[in-house]
Amino acid sequence: MKTILLSMLVVGGVLVAAPNQNMQTFSNFDVNHDGKITQNEFQIRQQERMKERAKLGYPMKNAGNAPMFGDMDKNKDGFINAQEFRNFQRTKMQNNFNQGNGMGMGPGGGGMGKRR
C-alpha cells in the first residue's frame, strides 16, 4: 500500500514540488566543485551544518546518527560521487517513509505511515 501511495505521489509531482528542506545537495558538500566529495569536504560541511543548526536553536539530539563518509562511499574509492550521494539520499528518504516519517509529517506520518 505504501509503495502504491509513494508511486502516486511521485507521479503527481507532490514530492518534487515539496522537497525535504533538511536534505542537503551534492553541491553543498562538493566545496571545490570538482564533481566528487572528499572525506575532508564531507567533514567540513557536516561541522558547518551542525553550527548552522545550533545557531537556529535546533536540538542536536540526533547528531550521533549523522551519516558517516563510509556510509555513502559505496565503492570505497575515497570519494563520494553524485550517484552515490543520490542513492544514499533516496535510500534515506525511503527508510524515513517506511518508518512512518514520510512527507515531513514527523513521527507517525500523519496517518500515512505506520498503522497503530
Protein backbone atom coordinates (compact mmCIF):
# COMPACT_ATOMS: atom_id res chain seq x y z
CA MET A 1 0.00 0.00 0.00
CA LYS A 2 2.84 2.39 0.90
CA THR A 3 4.54 1.64 -2.41
CA ILE A 4 1.39 2.48 -4.34
CA LEU A 5 0.91 5.70 -2.37
CA LEU A 6 4.54 6.71 -2.87
CA SER A 7 4.28 5.99 -6.59
CA MET A 8 1.15 8.11 -6.88
CA LEU A 9 2.79 10.98 -5.03
CA VAL A 10 5.89 10.87 -7.22
CA VAL A 11 3.84 10.70 -10.41
CA GLY A 12 1.63 13.51 -9.12
CA GLY A 13 4.66 15.67 -8.50
CA VAL A 14 3.97 16.15 -4.81
CA LEU A 15 7.44 15.02 -3.74
CA VAL A 16 9.08 17.12 -6.45
CA ALA A 17 7.05 20.19 -5.55
CA ALA A 18 7.79 19.95 -1.83
CA PRO A 19 11.33 18.62 -1.32
CA ASN A 20 12.58 17.94 2.18
CA GLN A 21 14.13 21.17 3.36
CA ASN A 22 16.59 19.28 5.55
CA MET A 23 18.07 17.36 2.64
CA GLN A 24 21.46 18.57 1.56
CA THR A 25 22.53 18.70 -2.06
CA PHE A 26 25.64 17.23 -3.61
CA SER A 27 26.93 20.74 -4.36
CA ASN A 28 26.61 21.67 -0.66
CA PHE A 29 29.27 19.09 0.10
CA ASP A 30 31.38 19.38 -3.08
CA VAL A 31 33.08 22.54 -1.85
CA ASN A 32 35.63 22.81 -4.68
CA HIS A 33 33.06 21.74 -7.32
CA ASP A 34 35.25 19.03 -8.85
CA GLY A 35 32.44 16.51 -9.09
CA LYS A 36 33.41 14.45 -6.06
CA ILE A 37 33.27 14.80 -2.30
CA THR A 38 36.39 14.03 -0.30
CA GLN A 39 36.26 12.93 3.31
CA ASN A 40 37.64 16.33 4.31
CA GLU A 41 34.91 18.19 2.37
CA PHE A 42 32.30 15.91 3.92
CA GLN A 43 33.51 16.52 7.48
CA ILE A 44 33.82 20.29 6.97
CA ARG A 45 30.28 20.54 5.63
CA GLN A 46 28.87 18.38 8.41
CA GLN A 47 30.52 20.60 11.02
CA GLU A 48 29.23 23.75 9.29
CA ARG A 49 25.73 22.29 9.16
CA MET A 50 25.80 21.46 12.86
CA LYS A 51 26.93 25.02 13.67
CA GLU A 52 24.14 26.47 11.49
CA ARG A 53 21.53 24.34 13.20
CA ALA A 54 22.88 25.20 16.66
CA LYS A 55 22.63 28.93 15.85
CA LEU A 56 18.98 28.39 14.89
CA GLY A 57 18.38 26.69 18.21
CA TYR A 58 17.66 23.25 16.81
CA PRO A 59 18.40 20.40 19.21
CA MET A 60 21.35 18.22 18.32
CA LYS A 61 19.85 15.04 19.79
CA ASN A 62 20.35 13.04 16.56
CA ALA A 63 23.89 14.22 15.81
CA GLY A 64 25.21 10.78 16.68
CA ASN A 65 23.05 9.31 13.93
CA ALA A 66 24.53 11.51 11.21
CA PRO A 67 25.74 9.56 8.19
CA MET A 68 29.40 8.73 8.02
CA PHE A 69 31.55 9.19 4.92
CA GLY A 70 31.88 5.42 4.52
CA ASP A 71 28.09 5.05 4.51
CA MET A 72 27.99 6.95 1.22
CA ASP A 73 31.28 5.88 -0.39
CA LYS A 74 29.91 2.52 -1.51
CA ASN A 75 32.71 1.69 -3.95
CA LYS A 76 35.34 2.62 -1.31
CA ASP A 77 37.42 4.74 -3.70
CA GLY A 78 37.85 7.54 -1.14
CA PHE A 79 35.33 9.85 -2.83
CA ILE A 80 31.57 10.23 -2.94
CA ASN A 81 30.34 10.80 -6.47
CA ALA A 82 26.97 12.32 -7.37
CA GLN A 83 25.37 8.90 -7.97
CA GLU A 84 26.49 7.53 -4.60
CA PHE A 85 25.13 10.69 -2.96
CA ARG A 86 21.75 10.41 -4.72
CA ASN A 87 21.48 6.70 -3.94
CA PHE A 88 22.17 7.35 -0.26
CA GLN A 89 19.57 10.11 -0.07
CA ARG A 90 16.99 8.04 -1.95
CA THR A 91 17.52 5.16 0.48
CA LYS A 92 17.32 7.54 3.45
CA MET A 93 14.05 9.04 2.20
CA GLN A 94 12.57 5.58 1.59
CA ASN A 95 13.60 4.42 5.06
CA ASN A 96 12.03 7.52 6.64
CA PHE A 97 8.83 6.91 4.71
CA ASN A 98 8.75 3.25 5.71
CA GLN A 99 9.26 4.22 9.37
CA GLY A 100 6.23 6.48 9.25
CA ASN A 101 8.13 9.75 8.97
CA GLY A 102 7.26 10.40 5.34
CA MET A 103 6.15 13.66 3.79
CA GLY A 104 7.67 15.79 6.54
CA MET A 105 4.89 15.00 8.98
CA GLY A 106 7.10 13.87 11.84
CA PRO A 107 6.66 10.71 13.86
CA GLY A 108 3.63 8.73 12.85
CA GLY A 109 3.49 10.25 9.38
CA GLY A 110 0.10 11.88 9.88
CA GLY A 111 -1.74 8.63 9.28
CA MET A 112 0.21 7.74 6.14
CA GLY A 113 2.96 5.88 7.98
CA LYS A 114 2.78 3.04 10.45
CA ARG A 115 -0.60 1.74 11.47
CA ARG A 116 -1.22 1.77 15.17
